[in-house]
Structure formats: C-alpha cells, structure tokens
C-alpha atoms as a PDB file:
ATOM      1  CA  SER A   1      -2.656 -10.227   0.085  1.00  0.00           C
ATOM      2  CA  ILE A   2       0.668  -8.997   1.271  1.00  0.00           C
ATOM      3  CA  ARG A   3       3.233  -6.471   0.069  1.00  0.00           C
ATOM      4  CA  PHE A   4       6.791  -7.130   1.202  1.00  0.00           C
ATOM      5  CA  TYR A   5      10.451  -6.323   0.646  1.00  0.00           C
ATOM      6  CA  ARG A   6      12.957  -9.180   0.685  1.00  0.00           C
ATOM      7  CA  ALA A   7      16.246  -7.966   2.210  1.00  0.00           C
ATOM      8  CA  SER A   8      18.335 -11.160   2.184  1.00  0.00           C
ATOM      9  CA  ALA A   9      18.410 -14.754   1.000  1.00  0.00           C
ATOM     10  CA  VAL A  10      17.202 -16.151   4.314  1.00  0.00           C
ATOM     11  CA  GLN A  11      14.048 -18.189   4.854  1.00  0.00           C
ATOM     12  CA  GLY A  12      11.295 -16.234   6.621  1.00  0.00           C
ATOM     13  CA  MET A  13       7.591 -16.462   7.359  1.00  0.00           C
ATOM     14  CA  LEU A  14       5.346 -13.859   5.735  1.00  0.00           C
ATOM     15  CA  PHE A  15       2.363 -14.902   7.867  1.00  0.00           C
ATOM     16  CA  THR A  16       0.741 -17.893   9.527  1.00  0.00           C
ATOM     17  CA  ASN A  17      -2.254 -18.793  11.648  1.00  0.00           C
ATOM     18  CA  ILE A  18      -1.653 -22.551  11.693  1.00  0.00           C
ATOM     19  CA  GLY A  19      -1.695 -23.829  15.242  1.00  0.00           C
ATOM     20  CA  ALA A  20      -1.531 -27.196  16.980  1.00  0.00           C
ATOM     21  CA  ASP A  21      -4.838 -28.259  15.399  1.00  0.00           C
ATOM     22  CA  GLU A  22      -3.233 -27.933  11.927  1.00  0.00           C
ATOM     23  CA  ARG A  23      -5.935 -25.620  10.565  1.00  0.00           C
ATOM     24  CA  GLY A  24      -5.323 -22.375   8.676  1.00  0.00           C
ATOM     25  CA  MET A  25      -2.940 -20.918   6.121  1.00  0.00           C
ATOM     26  CA  GLN A  26       0.632 -19.703   5.899  1.00  0.00           C
ATOM     27  CA  ILE A  27       3.100 -18.284   3.404  1.00  0.00           C
ATOM     28  CA  LEU A  28       6.763 -19.100   3.947  1.00  0.00           C
ATOM     29  CA  LEU A  29       9.345 -17.239   1.863  1.00  0.00           C
ATOM     30  CA  GLY A  30      12.198 -19.649   1.124  1.00  0.00           C
ATOM     31  CA  SER A  31      15.863 -18.688   0.970  1.00  0.00           C
ATOM     32  CA  THR A  32      15.718 -18.802  -2.847  1.00  0.00           C
ATOM     33  CA  GLY A  33      12.794 -16.350  -2.888  1.00  0.00           C
ATOM     34  CA  ILE A  34      10.097 -18.906  -3.649  1.00  0.00           C
ATOM     35  CA  ALA A  35       6.924 -18.398  -1.619  1.00  0.00           C
ATOM     36  CA  TYR A  36       5.401 -21.616  -0.282  1.00  0.00           C
ATOM     37  CA  ILE A  37       1.672 -21.227   0.295  1.00  0.00           C
ATOM     38  CA  THR A  38       0.240 -23.869   2.630  1.00  0.00           C
ATOM     39  CA  THR A  39      -3.424 -24.419   3.409  1.00  0.00           C
ATOM     40  CA  ARG A  40      -4.457 -26.926   6.047  1.00  0.00           C
ATOM     41  CA  GLY A  41      -7.709 -28.663   6.769  1.00  0.00           C
ATOM     42  CA  GLY A  42      -6.858 -30.427  10.013  1.00  0.00           C
ATOM     43  CA  ALA A  43      -4.392 -33.119  11.037  1.00  0.00           C
ATOM     44  CA  GLY A  44      -2.555 -34.498   8.022  1.00  0.00           C
ATOM     45  CA  VAL A  45      -4.672 -32.574   5.477  1.00  0.00           C
ATOM     46  CA  THR A  46      -2.363 -30.185   3.605  1.00  0.00           C
ATOM     47  CA  GLN A  47      -2.114 -28.557   0.193  1.00  0.00           C
ATOM     48  CA  ASP A  48       0.957 -26.615  -0.910  1.00  0.00           C
ATOM     49  CA  VAL A  49       1.415 -24.221  -3.832  1.00  0.00           C
ATOM     50  CA  ALA A  50       4.784 -22.662  -4.733  1.00  0.00           C
ATOM     51  CA  THR A  51       5.470 -19.440  -6.648  1.00  0.00           C
ATOM     52  CA  THR A  52       8.373 -18.467  -8.828  1.00  0.00           C
ATOM     53  CA  ALA A  53      11.194 -16.695  -7.005  1.00  0.00           C
ATOM     54  CA  PHE A  54      10.872 -13.122  -5.753  1.00  0.00           C
ATOM     55  CA  SER A  55      14.075 -11.113  -6.217  1.00  0.00           C
ATOM     56  CA  LEU A  56      16.117  -9.471  -3.481  1.00  0.00           C
ATOM     57  CA  SER A  57      16.031  -5.725  -2.769  1.00  0.00           C
ATOM     58  CA  ASN A  58      12.666  -5.110  -4.431  1.00  0.00           C
ATOM     59  CA  SER A  59       9.128  -4.679  -3.164  1.00  0.00           C
ATOM     60  CA  HIS A  60       6.696  -7.376  -4.231  1.00  0.00           C
ATOM     61  CA  SER A  61       3.006  -8.087  -3.849  1.00  0.00           C
ATOM     62  CA  LEU A  62       1.472 -11.513  -3.417  1.00  0.00           C
ATOM     63  CA  VAL A  63      -2.261 -12.168  -3.521  1.00  0.00           C
ATOM     64  CA  VAL A  64      -3.774 -15.573  -2.772  1.00  0.00           C
ATOM     65  CA  ALA A  65      -7.467 -16.098  -3.447  1.00  0.00           C
ATOM     66  CA  MET A  66      -9.569 -19.241  -3.134  1.00  0.00           C
ATOM     67  CA  SER A  67     -12.827 -20.334  -4.630  1.00  0.00           C
ATOM     68  CA  PRO A  68     -14.558 -23.541  -3.519  1.00  0.00           C
ATOM     69  CA  THR A  69     -12.559 -25.421  -6.173  1.00  0.00           C
ATOM     70  CA  GLN A  70      -9.380 -23.425  -6.964  1.00  0.00           C
ATOM     71  CA  ILE A  71      -6.447 -21.475  -5.528  1.00  0.00           C
ATOM     72  CA  PHE A  72      -5.390 -18.364  -7.479  1.00  0.00           C
ATOM     73  CA  VAL A  73      -1.940 -16.837  -6.957  1.00  0.00           C
ATOM     74  CA  TYR A  74      -1.058 -13.344  -8.198  1.00  0.00           C
ATOM     75  CA  ALA A  75       2.538 -12.128  -8.034  1.00  0.00           C
ATOM     76  CA  ASN A  76       3.135  -8.418  -8.629  1.00  0.00           C
ATOM     77  CA  GLY A  77      -0.284  -8.019 -10.229  1.00  0.00           C
ATOM     78  CA  VAL A  78      -0.003 -10.950 -12.648  1.00  0.00           C
ATOM     79  CA  LEU A  79      -1.943 -14.205 -12.328  1.00  0.00           C
ATOM     80  CA  GLN A  80       0.826 -16.717 -11.766  1.00  0.00           C
ATOM     81  CA  SER A  81      -1.063 -19.933 -11.167  1.00  0.00           C
ATOM     82  CA  THR A  82      -4.456 -21.498 -10.825  1.00  0.00           C
ATOM     83  CA  THR A  83      -4.408 -24.760  -8.892  1.00  0.00           C
ATOM     84  CA  SER A  84      -7.275 -27.163  -8.229  1.00  0.00           C
ATOM     85  CA  LEU A  85      -8.186 -27.214  -4.564  1.00  0.00           C
ATOM     86  CA  ILE A  86      -7.928 -30.834  -3.400  1.00  0.00           C
ATOM     87  CA  ILE A  87      -8.672 -30.291   0.300  1.00  0.00           C
ATOM     88  CA  THR A  88     -11.245 -28.409   2.311  1.00  0.00           C
ATOM     89  CA  PRO A  89      -9.288 -25.620   4.045  1.00  0.00           C
ATOM     90  CA  LEU A  90     -10.381 -24.901   7.594  1.00  0.00           C
ATOM     91  CA  ALA A  91     -10.093 -21.524   9.287  1.00  0.00           C
ATOM     92  CA  GLY A  92      -7.071 -21.195  11.521  1.00  0.00           C
ATOM     93  CA  THR A  93      -7.718 -21.078  15.237  1.00  0.00           C
ATOM     94  CA  ALA A  94      -4.268 -19.803  16.252  1.00  0.00           C
ATOM     95  CA  ASN A  95      -3.459 -16.103  16.436  1.00  0.00           C
ATOM     96  CA  LEU A  96      -2.295 -14.486  13.221  1.00  0.00           C
ATOM     97  CA  TYR A  97       1.480 -14.005  13.180  1.00  0.00           C
ATOM     98  CA  ILE A  98       2.981 -11.684  10.576  1.00  0.00           C
ATOM     99  CA  GLY A  99       6.698 -11.923   9.838  1.00  0.00           C
ATOM    100  CA  ARG A 100       7.352 -14.968  12.063  1.00  0.00           C
ATOM    101  CA  THR A 101       6.054 -18.430  12.941  1.00  0.00           C
ATOM    102  CA  VAL A 102       3.667 -19.278  15.770  1.00  0.00           C
ATOM    103  CA  THR A 103       6.650 -20.509  17.817  1.00  0.00           C
ATOM    104  CA  GLY A 104       8.676 -17.348  17.188  1.00  0.00           C
ATOM    105  CA  ILE A 105      11.190 -18.612  14.630  1.00  0.00           C
ATOM    106  CA  ALA A 106      11.770 -17.994  10.891  1.00  0.00           C
ATOM    107  CA  TYR A 107      11.581 -14.221  11.241  1.00  0.00           C
ATOM    108  CA  LEU A 108      11.355 -12.422   7.906  1.00  0.00           C
ATOM    109  CA  ASN A 109      14.508 -10.486   7.033  1.00  0.00           C
ATOM    110  CA  GLY A 110      12.837  -7.628   5.205  1.00  0.00           C
ATOM    111  CA  LEU A 111       9.765  -5.434   5.478  1.00  0.00           C
ATOM    112  CA  ILE A 112       6.052  -6.030   5.275  1.00  0.00           C
ATOM    113  CA  SER A 113       4.439  -2.786   4.258  1.00  0.00           C
ATOM    114  CA  HIS A 114       0.863  -3.937   3.624  1.00  0.00           C
ATOM    115  CA  PHE A 115      -1.245  -6.891   4.704  1.00  0.00           C
ATOM    116  CA  ARG A 116      -4.873  -7.369   3.780  1.00  0.00           C
ATOM    117  CA  TYR A 117      -7.364 -10.087   4.522  1.00  0.00           C
ATOM    118  CA  ASP A 118     -10.768 -10.131   2.903  1.00  0.00           C
ATOM    119  CA  SER A 119     -13.591 -12.565   3.527  1.00  0.00           C
ATOM    120  CA  ARG A 120     -14.612 -12.590  -0.115  1.00  0.00           C
ATOM    121  CA  ILE A 121     -12.775 -13.608  -3.265  1.00  0.00           C
ATOM    122  CA  TRP A 122     -11.339 -10.727  -5.277  1.00  0.00           C
ATOM    123  CA  THR A 123     -11.771 -10.477  -9.009  1.00  0.00           C
ATOM    124  CA  ALA A 124      -8.631 -10.488 -11.159  1.00  0.00           C
ATOM    125  CA  ASP A 125      -9.013  -6.722 -11.662  1.00  0.00           C
ATOM    126  CA  GLU A 126      -9.233  -6.124  -7.890  1.00  0.00           C
ATOM    127  CA  ALA A 127      -6.105  -8.191  -7.196  1.00  0.00           C
ATOM    128  CA  ARG A 128      -4.202  -6.390  -9.951  1.00  0.00           C
ATOM    129  CA  ALA A 129      -5.364  -2.970  -8.726  1.00  0.00           C
ATOM    130  CA  TRP A 130      -4.277  -3.733  -5.151  1.00  0.00           C
ATOM    131  CA  SER A 131      -0.875  -4.935  -6.384  1.00  0.00           C
ATOM    132  CA  GLN A 132      -0.363  -1.670  -8.236  1.00  0.00           C
ATOM    133  CA  ASN A 133      -1.684   0.594  -5.449  1.00  0.00           C
ATOM    134  CA  PRO A 134      -1.835  -1.190  -2.078  1.00  0.00           C
ATOM    135  CA  ILE A 135      -2.288   2.077  -0.195  1.00  0.00           C
ATOM    136  CA  SER A 136      -5.857   2.413  -1.415  1.00  0.00           C
ATOM    137  CA  ILE A 137      -8.467   1.765   1.261  1.00  0.00           C
ATOM    138  CA  ASP A 138     -10.773  -0.131  -1.050  1.00  0.00           C
ATOM    139  CA  SER A 139      -9.398  -2.092  -3.996  1.00  0.00           C
ATOM    140  CA  ARG A 140     -12.774  -2.459  -5.678  1.00  0.00           C
ATOM    141  CA  ILE A 141     -12.765  -0.753  -9.049  1.00  0.00           C
END
C-alpha cells in the first residue's frame, strides 16, 4: 500500500523491486494518472493490471493485495478491481526503490507520504481503514 500526491502529469515510478532476473513487483504512475501494476514471475512471465486515473494535486491511496488466485486493487479505500492471477509471482531480488526505477529514471514528480508492505493479505476492511487513516501503526480493526 502506498499513499502519494501527484504533482504533475509526468510519468513516474511509485516503487519497484524488479531487477535483472525479472522477479518482483512495481507500480508505475503514467502521465495520465493511471497506475500500472506489474507483477513478474521470472523472464518473460508478466501480469499487468491498470487502475483508473488518479487526479492531479490530490493525495491518493493505492492498496494492492494478492491471494493465490487473485489480485485486488483498492484506490482511495474503494475496491476498484479483482483480477484473476494468471502467473506465479516471484519475490523480487533487487533492492526496493521508492519514487524511481532501479536504474534511476522515471522519478515521481510528487510526494510519497506513506508506504507499507505486509506479508499477509489484508481484509477489505483493513485496506479501507488504512486508506482512510494511513498514519495508524496497525491497520487491523
């Protein structure tokens, strides 16, 4: 999950940990405000999910959760999509980069105020609660 502010209509990376081995996950914010969520399971094994556009000059929250069979995307506390998982995502082996790519390009023009990774899948209520109050230490309600 990530909370961010989009300052301009320029493409920028929210985060990535996809390295040369093509394993991991990333979220790229396109110039139109659409977030492109990419999961990778090794060389040539990719699944992409796109969101609706996030507006300029506002703070937004984006939560991505995965079960063994589905990808859930929450935008600003609302379940936006449920997509069947057609690959087996593999954990990224590259460092985690927030606000830029691994190679140091596609810097985000805006702010990232909160970033949270959890090793378990959140319930819909937990994702919604975090979107509404990301400052809380524990989103479990």
